């Protein structure tokens, strides 16, 4: 089943890979990120035809305007891949600043709320009613890395958001699931080849996996009929130090 989809954070990495995979699978895809030039690169890589929507997901007015444009262009929204996220350098909690905390929470939690809310309301009022929201969680929704309080807290919160949307969406045929990703190769994981902090205080390199595996997984989740839902999926580099961590 292919329909209409919005991919946030589609300017690079996981978001770009998912947008390209969904377009290839026959979906009409809108892409959102703050950087218009990078979004246009995603569109060019797809061969054109994506609906390019520059937007700061932490800005309520900008998000509202984005969904107005989606409804005008597509008439409906069948899938939201709620992916936009950010992080700050690893910082021991005792030295963590309010500005660093707020930067991550504003995008990773408030931004994902705003996009999920916009999608939910559109899916409620469109006919046929319903749709699917796929939230990008993280391995950090289960266990933290050292010095990662803002990111880890935001991803734990996304799990609660996913469960709540799943429950509240039932009367409207709105399904909600979460994909928790571990070490997909992207600009955010480049540092892992040089070594990242471990729970025992050591610095060790970590293996990564091709981001295309994540994209394929999201396409699978998106393509299910609304009577079925992948509630939670964990996809990760097989040998990354997650089992046994924390």
C-alpha atoms as a PDB file:
ATOM      1  CA  UNK A   1       0.000   0.000   0.000  1.00  0.00           C
ATOM      2  CA  UNK A   2       1.536   3.302  -1.078  1.00  0.00           C
ATOM      3  CA  UNK A   3      -0.033   6.665  -0.374  1.00  0.00           C
ATOM      4  CA  UNK A   4       1.207  10.011   0.923  1.00  0.00           C
ATOM      5  CA  UNK A   5       3.979  10.441   3.464  1.00  0.00           C
ATOM      6  CA  UNK A   6       5.883  13.112   5.359  1.00  0.00           C
ATOM      7  CA  UNK A   7       9.482  12.495   6.415  1.00  0.00           C
ATOM      8  CA  UNK A   8      10.940  15.014   8.865  1.00  0.00           C
ATOM      9  CA  UNK A   9      14.670  15.496   9.227  1.00  0.00           C
ATOM     10  CA  UNK A  10      15.017  14.458   5.581  1.00  0.00           C
ATOM     11  CA  UNK A  11      18.056  16.599   4.766  1.00  0.00           C
ATOM     12  CA  UNK A  12      20.574  13.841   5.556  1.00  0.00           C
ATOM     13  CA  UNK A  13      21.199  10.488   7.194  1.00  0.00           C
ATOM     14  CA  UNK A  14      18.264   8.322   8.197  1.00  0.00           C
ATOM     15  CA  UNK A  15      15.647  10.845   7.086  1.00  0.00           C
ATOM     16  CA  UNK A  16      17.092  11.205   3.606  1.00  0.00           C
ATOM     17  CA  UNK A  17      17.474   7.428   3.208  1.00  0.00           C
ATOM     18  CA  UNK A  18      13.854   6.846   4.274  1.00  0.00           C
ATOM     19  CA  UNK A  19      12.504   9.579   1.983  1.00  0.00           C
ATOM     20  CA  UNK A  20      14.363   8.089  -0.991  1.00  0.00           C
ATOM     21  CA  UNK A  21      13.229   4.548  -0.167  1.00  0.00           C
ATOM     22  CA  UNK A  22       9.594   5.577   0.206  1.00  0.00           C
ATOM     23  CA  UNK A  23       9.644   7.525  -3.056  1.00  0.00           C
ATOM     24  CA  UNK A  24      11.168   4.494  -4.786  1.00  0.00           C
ATOM     25  CA  UNK A  25       8.378   2.335  -3.314  1.00  0.00           C
ATOM     26  CA  UNK A  26       5.754   4.556  -4.946  1.00  0.00           C
ATOM     27  CA  UNK A  27       4.814   6.925  -2.114  1.00  0.00           C
ATOM     28  CA  UNK A  28       4.129  10.620  -2.682  1.00  0.00           C
ATOM     29  CA  UNK A  29       6.646  12.075  -0.255  1.00  0.00           C
ATOM     30  CA  UNK A  30       6.912  15.446   1.477  1.00  0.00           C
ATOM     31  CA  UNK A  31      10.269  16.185   3.067  1.00  0.00           C
ATOM     32  CA  UNK A  32      10.944  18.573   5.915  1.00  0.00           C
ATOM     33  CA  UNK A  33      14.093  19.975   7.532  1.00  0.00           C
ATOM     34  CA  UNK A  34      15.493  23.367   8.415  1.00  0.00           C
ATOM     35  CA  UNK A  35      17.967  23.524   5.510  1.00  0.00           C
ATOM     36  CA  UNK A  36      16.269  24.185   2.180  1.00  0.00           C
ATOM     37  CA  UNK A  37      19.453  23.513   0.174  1.00  0.00           C
ATOM     38  CA  UNK A  38      19.942  20.086   1.740  1.00  0.00           C
ATOM     39  CA  UNK A  39      16.278  19.207   1.157  1.00  0.00           C
ATOM     40  CA  UNK A  40      16.704  20.113  -2.502  1.00  0.00           C
ATOM     41  CA  UNK A  41      19.662  17.702  -2.617  1.00  0.00           C
ATOM     42  CA  UNK A  42      17.373  14.971  -1.272  1.00  0.00           C
ATOM     43  CA  UNK A  43      14.807  15.831  -3.938  1.00  0.00           C
ATOM     44  CA  UNK A  44      17.458  15.760  -6.675  1.00  0.00           C
ATOM     45  CA  UNK A  45      18.703  12.380  -5.465  1.00  0.00           C
ATOM     46  CA  UNK A  46      15.123  11.097  -5.705  1.00  0.00           C
ATOM     47  CA  UNK A  47      14.918  12.313  -9.288  1.00  0.00           C
ATOM     48  CA  UNK A  48      12.591  15.178  -8.391  1.00  0.00           C
ATOM     49  CA  UNK A  49       8.948  15.065  -7.409  1.00  0.00           C
ATOM     50  CA  UNK A  50       9.284  15.390  -3.641  1.00  0.00           C
ATOM     51  CA  UNK A  51       7.321  18.124  -1.871  1.00  0.00           C
ATOM     52  CA  UNK A  52      10.100  20.198  -0.292  1.00  0.00           C
ATOM     53  CA  UNK A  53       9.004  21.907   2.931  1.00  0.00           C
ATOM     54  CA  UNK A  54      11.695  23.812   4.850  1.00  0.00           C
ATOM     55  CA  UNK A  55      10.526  23.913   8.465  1.00  0.00           C
ATOM     56  CA  UNK A  56      11.853  24.227  12.001  1.00  0.00           C
ATOM     57  CA  UNK A  57       9.871  21.498  13.764  1.00  0.00           C
ATOM     58  CA  UNK A  58      10.273  23.265  17.126  1.00  0.00           C
ATOM     59  CA  UNK A  59       8.298  26.271  15.818  1.00  0.00           C
ATOM     60  CA  UNK A  60       4.519  25.700  16.251  1.00  0.00           C
ATOM     61  CA  UNK A  61       3.540  28.219  13.566  1.00  0.00           C
ATOM     62  CA  UNK A  62       5.972  26.752  11.046  1.00  0.00           C
ATOM     63  CA  UNK A  63       4.682  23.233  11.686  1.00  0.00           C
ATOM     64  CA  UNK A  64       1.072  24.354  11.317  1.00  0.00           C
ATOM     65  CA  UNK A  65       1.955  25.983   7.996  1.00  0.00           C
ATOM     66  CA  UNK A  66       3.690  22.816   6.845  1.00  0.00           C
ATOM     67  CA  UNK A  67       0.596  20.681   7.406  1.00  0.00           C
ATOM     68  CA  UNK A  68      -1.563  23.252   5.632  1.00  0.00           C
ATOM     69  CA  UNK A  69       0.698  22.895   2.591  1.00  0.00           C
ATOM     70  CA  UNK A  70       0.613  19.090   2.778  1.00  0.00           C
ATOM     71  CA  UNK A  71      -3.180  19.042   2.912  1.00  0.00           C
ATOM     72  CA  UNK A  72      -3.357  21.471   0.009  1.00  0.00           C
ATOM     73  CA  UNK A  73      -0.877  19.494  -2.125  1.00  0.00           C
ATOM     74  CA  UNK A  74      -1.848  15.902  -1.273  1.00  0.00           C
ATOM     75  CA  UNK A  75      -5.369  16.186   0.124  1.00  0.00           C
ATOM     76  CA  UNK A  76      -4.439  13.786   2.920  1.00  0.00           C
ATOM     77  CA  UNK A  77      -1.526  12.261   4.832  1.00  0.00           C
ATOM     78  CA  UNK A  78      -1.199   8.509   5.241  1.00  0.00           C
ATOM     79  CA  UNK A  79       2.168   8.238   7.030  1.00  0.00           C
ATOM     80  CA  UNK A  80       4.369  10.480   9.138  1.00  0.00           C
ATOM     81  CA  UNK A  81       7.930   9.343   9.759  1.00  0.00           C
ATOM     82  CA  UNK A  82       8.618  11.554  12.775  1.00  0.00           C
ATOM     83  CA  UNK A  83      12.389  11.597  12.527  1.00  0.00           C
ATOM     84  CA  UNK A  84      13.852  15.095  13.023  1.00  0.00           C
ATOM     85  CA  UNK A  85      16.278  15.158  15.918  1.00  0.00           C
ATOM     86  CA  UNK A  86      19.422  16.743  17.288  1.00  0.00           C
ATOM     87  CA  UNK A  87      22.033  16.209  19.965  1.00  0.00           C
ATOM     88  CA  UNK A  88      24.784  18.021  21.862  1.00  0.00           C
ATOM     89  CA  UNK A  89      28.296  16.806  22.771  1.00  0.00           C
ATOM     90  CA  UNK A  90      28.463  14.263  25.597  1.00  0.00           C
ATOM     91  CA  UNK A  91      28.430  16.137  28.914  1.00  0.00           C
ATOM     92  CA  UNK A  92      28.463  14.798  32.451  1.00  0.00           C
ATOM     93  CA  UNK A  93      25.139  15.626  34.069  1.00  0.00           C
ATOM     94  CA  UNK A  94      26.819  17.824  36.698  1.00  0.00           C
ATOM     95  CA  UNK A  95      28.111  20.118  33.967  1.00  0.00           C
ATOM     96  CA  UNK A  96      25.049  20.066  31.729  1.00  0.00           C
ATOM     97  CA  UNK A  97      23.701  23.535  30.899  1.00  0.00           C
ATOM     98  CA  UNK A  98      20.077  24.564  30.587  1.00  0.00           C
ATOM     99  CA  UNK A  99      20.695  25.739  27.013  1.00  0.00           C
ATOM    100  CA  UNK A 100      22.089  22.340  25.967  1.00  0.00           C
ATOM    101  CA  UNK A 101      19.162  20.528  27.621  1.00  0.00           C
ATOM    102  CA  UNK A 102      16.609  22.858  26.026  1.00  0.00           C
ATOM    103  CA  UNK A 103      18.163  22.598  22.547  1.00  0.00           C
ATOM    104  CA  UNK A 104      17.691  18.821  22.492  1.00  0.00           C
ATOM    105  CA  UNK A 105      14.258  18.740  24.141  1.00  0.00           C
ATOM    106  CA  UNK A 106      12.892  21.484  21.864  1.00  0.00           C
ATOM    107  CA  UNK A 107      13.577  19.388  18.756  1.00  0.00           C
ATOM    108  CA  UNK A 108      13.550  15.766  19.930  1.00  0.00           C
ATOM    109  CA  UNK A 109      10.453  15.979  22.113  1.00  0.00           C
ATOM    110  CA  UNK A 110       8.570  19.226  21.475  1.00  0.00           C
ATOM    111  CA  UNK A 111       9.212  19.039  17.729  1.00  0.00           C
ATOM    112  CA  UNK A 112       8.085  15.429  17.546  1.00  0.00           C
ATOM    113  CA  UNK A 113       4.967  16.332  19.529  1.00  0.00           C
ATOM    114  CA  UNK A 114       4.135  19.200  17.169  1.00  0.00           C
ATOM    115  CA  UNK A 115       4.562  17.038  14.060  1.00  0.00           C
ATOM    116  CA  UNK A 116       2.638  14.113  15.542  1.00  0.00           C
ATOM    117  CA  UNK A 117      -0.135  16.496  16.618  1.00  0.00           C
ATOM    118  CA  UNK A 118      -0.389  18.018  13.153  1.00  0.00           C
ATOM    119  CA  UNK A 119      -0.482  14.603  11.525  1.00  0.00           C
ATOM    120  CA  UNK A 120      -3.002  13.223  14.027  1.00  0.00           C
ATOM    121  CA  UNK A 121      -5.437  16.102  13.462  1.00  0.00           C
ATOM    122  CA  UNK A 122      -5.190  15.785   9.681  1.00  0.00           C
ATOM    123  CA  UNK A 123      -5.662  12.017   9.869  1.00  0.00           C
ATOM    124  CA  UNK A 124      -8.733  12.535  12.079  1.00  0.00           C
ATOM    125  CA  UNK A 125     -10.502  14.848   9.662  1.00  0.00           C
ATOM    126  CA  UNK A 126      -9.536  13.335   6.306  1.00  0.00           C
ATOM    127  CA  UNK A 127     -11.753  10.829   4.509  1.00  0.00           C
ATOM    128  CA  UNK A 128     -11.125   7.950   4.544  1.00  0.00           C
ATOM    129  CA  UNK A 129     -10.085   8.618   8.128  1.00  0.00           C
ATOM    130  CA  UNK A 130      -6.876   7.267   9.607  1.00  0.00           C
ATOM    131  CA  UNK A 131      -3.167   6.963   9.001  1.00  0.00           C
ATOM    132  CA  UNK A 132       0.101   5.926  10.606  1.00  0.00           C
ATOM    133  CA  UNK A 133       2.695   7.756  12.700  1.00  0.00           C
ATOM    134  CA  UNK A 134       6.150   6.199  13.015  1.00  0.00           C
ATOM    135  CA  UNK A 135       8.300   7.822  15.694  1.00  0.00           C
ATOM    136  CA  UNK A 136      12.073   7.526  15.533  1.00  0.00           C
ATOM    137  CA  UNK A 137      13.139   6.468  19.000  1.00  0.00           C
ATOM    138  CA  UNK A 138      16.644   5.163  19.627  1.00  0.00           C
ATOM    139  CA  UNK A 139      18.609   2.504  21.437  1.00  0.00           C
ATOM    140  CA  UNK A 140      18.843   5.334  23.994  1.00  0.00           C
ATOM    141  CA  UNK A 141      15.122   4.858  24.643  1.00  0.00           C
ATOM    142  CA  UNK A 142      16.265   1.719  26.495  1.00  0.00           C
ATOM    143  CA  UNK A 143      19.756   2.422  27.852  1.00  0.00           C
ATOM    144  CA  UNK A 144      21.849   5.610  28.033  1.00  0.00           C
ATOM    145  CA  UNK A 145      25.321   6.399  26.850  1.00  0.00           C
ATOM    146  CA  UNK A 146      27.570   8.274  29.296  1.00  0.00           C
ATOM    147  CA  UNK A 147      26.878  12.001  29.345  1.00  0.00           C
ATOM    148  CA  UNK A 148      23.690  11.782  27.287  1.00  0.00           C
ATOM    149  CA  UNK A 149      20.963  13.009  29.679  1.00  0.00           C
ATOM    150  CA  UNK A 150      19.096  15.323  27.245  1.00  0.00           C
ATOM    151  CA  UNK A 151      19.089  12.851  24.348  1.00  0.00           C
ATOM    152  CA  UNK A 152      18.270   9.836  26.512  1.00  0.00           C
ATOM    153  CA  UNK A 153      15.477  11.661  28.367  1.00  0.00           C
ATOM    154  CA  UNK A 154      13.963  12.803  25.065  1.00  0.00           C
ATOM    155  CA  UNK A 155      13.985   9.293  23.622  1.00  0.00           C
ATOM    156  CA  UNK A 156      12.480   7.734  26.751  1.00  0.00           C
ATOM    157  CA  UNK A 157       9.759  10.371  26.463  1.00  0.00           C
ATOM    158  CA  UNK A 158       9.143   9.432  22.819  1.00  0.00           C
ATOM    159  CA  UNK A 159       8.297   5.901  23.938  1.00  0.00           C
ATOM    160  CA  UNK A 160       5.591   7.316  26.195  1.00  0.00           C
ATOM    161  CA  UNK A 161       4.379   9.543  23.385  1.00  0.00           C
ATOM    162  CA  UNK A 162       4.192   6.543  21.043  1.00  0.00           C
ATOM    163  CA  UNK A 163       2.146   4.515  23.514  1.00  0.00           C
ATOM    164  CA  UNK A 164      -0.238   7.411  24.170  1.00  0.00           C
ATOM    165  CA  UNK A 165      -0.798   8.129  20.473  1.00  0.00           C
ATOM    166  CA  UNK A 166      -1.406   4.424  19.854  1.00  0.00           C
ATOM    167  CA  UNK A 167      -4.105   4.368  22.500  1.00  0.00           C
ATOM    168  CA  UNK A 168      -5.743   7.679  21.610  1.00  0.00           C
ATOM    169  CA  UNK A 169      -5.596   6.936  17.892  1.00  0.00           C
ATOM    170  CA  UNK A 170      -7.584   3.693  17.997  1.00  0.00           C
ATOM    171  CA  UNK A 171     -11.042   5.243  17.518  1.00  0.00           C
ATOM    172  CA  UNK A 172      -9.797   7.067  14.392  1.00  0.00           C
ATOM    173  CA  UNK A 173      -7.823   4.239  12.720  1.00  0.00           C
ATOM    174  CA  UNK A 174      -4.572   6.032  13.511  1.00  0.00           C
ATOM    175  CA  UNK A 175      -1.770   3.559  14.179  1.00  0.00           C
ATOM    176  CA  UNK A 176       1.439   4.618  15.891  1.00  0.00           C
ATOM    177  CA  UNK A 177       4.696   2.688  16.146  1.00  0.00           C
ATOM    178  CA  UNK A 178       8.306   3.344  17.053  1.00  0.00           C
ATOM    179  CA  UNK A 179      11.594   2.304  15.478  1.00  0.00           C
ATOM    180  CA  UNK A 180      14.619   2.233  17.772  1.00  0.00           C
ATOM    181  CA  UNK A 181      17.829   2.440  15.776  1.00  0.00           C
ATOM    182  CA  UNK A 182      21.344   1.569  16.864  1.00  0.00           C
ATOM    183  CA  UNK A 183      24.423   2.791  14.995  1.00  0.00           C
ATOM    184  CA  UNK A 184      23.103   3.335  11.479  1.00  0.00           C
ATOM    185  CA  UNK A 185      25.937   4.864   9.469  1.00  0.00           C
ATOM    186  CA  UNK A 186      25.299   8.610   9.112  1.00  0.00           C
ATOM    187  CA  UNK A 187      26.937  11.934   9.932  1.00  0.00           C
ATOM    188  CA  UNK A 188      25.859  11.386  13.559  1.00  0.00           C
ATOM    189  CA  UNK A 189      27.809   8.105  13.815  1.00  0.00           C
ATOM    190  CA  UNK A 190      31.014   9.063  11.988  1.00  0.00           C
ATOM    191  CA  UNK A 191      32.761   9.598  15.325  1.00  0.00           C
ATOM    192  CA  UNK A 192      32.115   5.986  16.322  1.00  0.00           C
ATOM    193  CA  UNK A 193      34.918   4.736  14.078  1.00  0.00           C
ATOM    194  CA  UNK A 194      37.385   6.755  16.200  1.00  0.00           C
ATOM    195  CA  UNK A 195      35.897   5.646  19.518  1.00  0.00           C
ATOM    196  CA  UNK A 196      33.082   6.720  21.802  1.00  0.00           C
ATOM    197  CA  UNK A 197      32.742   6.642  25.609  1.00  0.00           C
ATOM    198  CA  UNK A 198      31.593   3.375  27.155  1.00  0.00           C
ATOM    199  CA  UNK A 199      29.884   2.786  30.493  1.00  0.00           C
ATOM    200  CA  UNK A 200      33.153   1.562  32.050  1.00  0.00           C
ATOM    201  CA  UNK A 201      34.893   4.844  31.215  1.00  0.00           C
ATOM    202  CA  UNK A 202      36.840   3.482  28.262  1.00  0.00           C
ATOM    203  CA  UNK A 203      36.823   4.814  24.697  1.00  0.00           C
ATOM    204  CA  UNK A 204      36.146   2.197  22.036  1.00  0.00           C
ATOM    205  CA  UNK A 205      35.162   2.203  18.364  1.00  0.00           C
ATOM    206  CA  UNK A 206      31.730   0.757  17.610  1.00  0.00           C
ATOM    207  CA  UNK A 207      30.439  -1.036  14.511  1.00  0.00           C
ATOM    208  CA  UNK A 208      27.765   0.574  12.347  1.00  0.00           C
ATOM    209  CA  UNK A 209      25.285  -0.743   9.780  1.00  0.00           C
ATOM    210  CA  UNK A 210      24.156   0.530   6.385  1.00  0.00           C
ATOM    211  CA  UNK A 211      21.374   3.108   6.798  1.00  0.00           C
ATOM    212  CA  UNK A 212      19.509   1.397   3.936  1.00  0.00           C
ATOM    213  CA  UNK A 213      18.486  -1.370   6.347  1.00  0.00           C
ATOM    214  CA  UNK A 214      16.687   1.252   8.450  1.00  0.00           C
ATOM    215  CA  UNK A 215      15.027   2.722   5.373  1.00  0.00           C
ATOM    216  CA  UNK A 216      13.776  -0.705   4.307  1.00  0.00           C
ATOM    217  CA  UNK A 217      12.390  -1.315   7.797  1.00  0.00           C
ATOM    218  CA  UNK A 218      10.455   1.967   7.785  1.00  0.00           C
ATOM    219  CA  UNK A 219       9.047   1.215   4.319  1.00  0.00           C
ATOM    220  CA  UNK A 220       7.820  -2.125   5.694  1.00  0.00           C
ATOM    221  CA  UNK A 221       6.197  -0.493   8.738  1.00  0.00           C
ATOM    222  CA  UNK A 222       4.599   2.189   6.552  1.00  0.00           C
ATOM    223  CA  UNK A 223       3.188  -0.296   4.055  1.00  0.00           C
ATOM    224  CA  UNK A 224       1.180  -2.387   6.490  1.00  0.00           C
ATOM    225  CA  UNK A 225      -2.621  -2.140   6.372  1.00  0.00           C
ATOM    226  CA  UNK A 226      -4.013  -0.128   9.283  1.00  0.00           C
ATOM    227  CA  UNK A 227      -5.358  -3.316  10.861  1.00  0.00           C
ATOM    228  CA  UNK A 228      -1.715  -4.253  11.605  1.00  0.00           C
ATOM    229  CA  UNK A 229       1.021  -2.295  13.350  1.00  0.00           C
ATOM    230  CA  UNK A 230       4.659  -2.726  14.254  1.00  0.00           C
ATOM    231  CA  UNK A 231       4.367  -1.243  17.734  1.00  0.00           C
ATOM    232  CA  UNK A 232       8.086  -1.294  18.494  1.00  0.00           C
ATOM    233  CA  UNK A 233      11.018  -2.356  16.343  1.00  0.00           C
ATOM    234  CA  UNK A 234      14.694  -2.389  17.292  1.00  0.00           C
ATOM    235  CA  UNK A 235      17.133  -2.453  14.382  1.00  0.00           C
ATOM    236  CA  UNK A 236      20.825  -2.191  15.172  1.00  0.00           C
ATOM    237  CA  UNK A 237      24.327  -3.082  14.181  1.00  0.00           C
ATOM    238  CA  UNK A 238      24.618  -6.709  15.313  1.00  0.00           C
ATOM    239  CA  UNK A 239      27.840  -6.255  17.280  1.00  0.00           C
ATOM    240  CA  UNK A 240      27.232  -2.853  18.825  1.00  0.00           C
ATOM    241  CA  UNK A 241      27.557  -2.835  22.632  1.00  0.00           C
ATOM    242  CA  UNK A 242      23.875  -2.527  23.502  1.00  0.00           C
ATOM    243  CA  UNK A 243      22.963  -5.877  25.056  1.00  0.00           C
ATOM    244  CA  UNK A 244      24.847  -5.749  28.327  1.00  0.00           C
ATOM    245  CA  UNK A 245      25.032  -1.952  28.348  1.00  0.00           C
ATOM    246  CA  UNK A 246      23.670   0.260  31.086  1.00  0.00           C
END
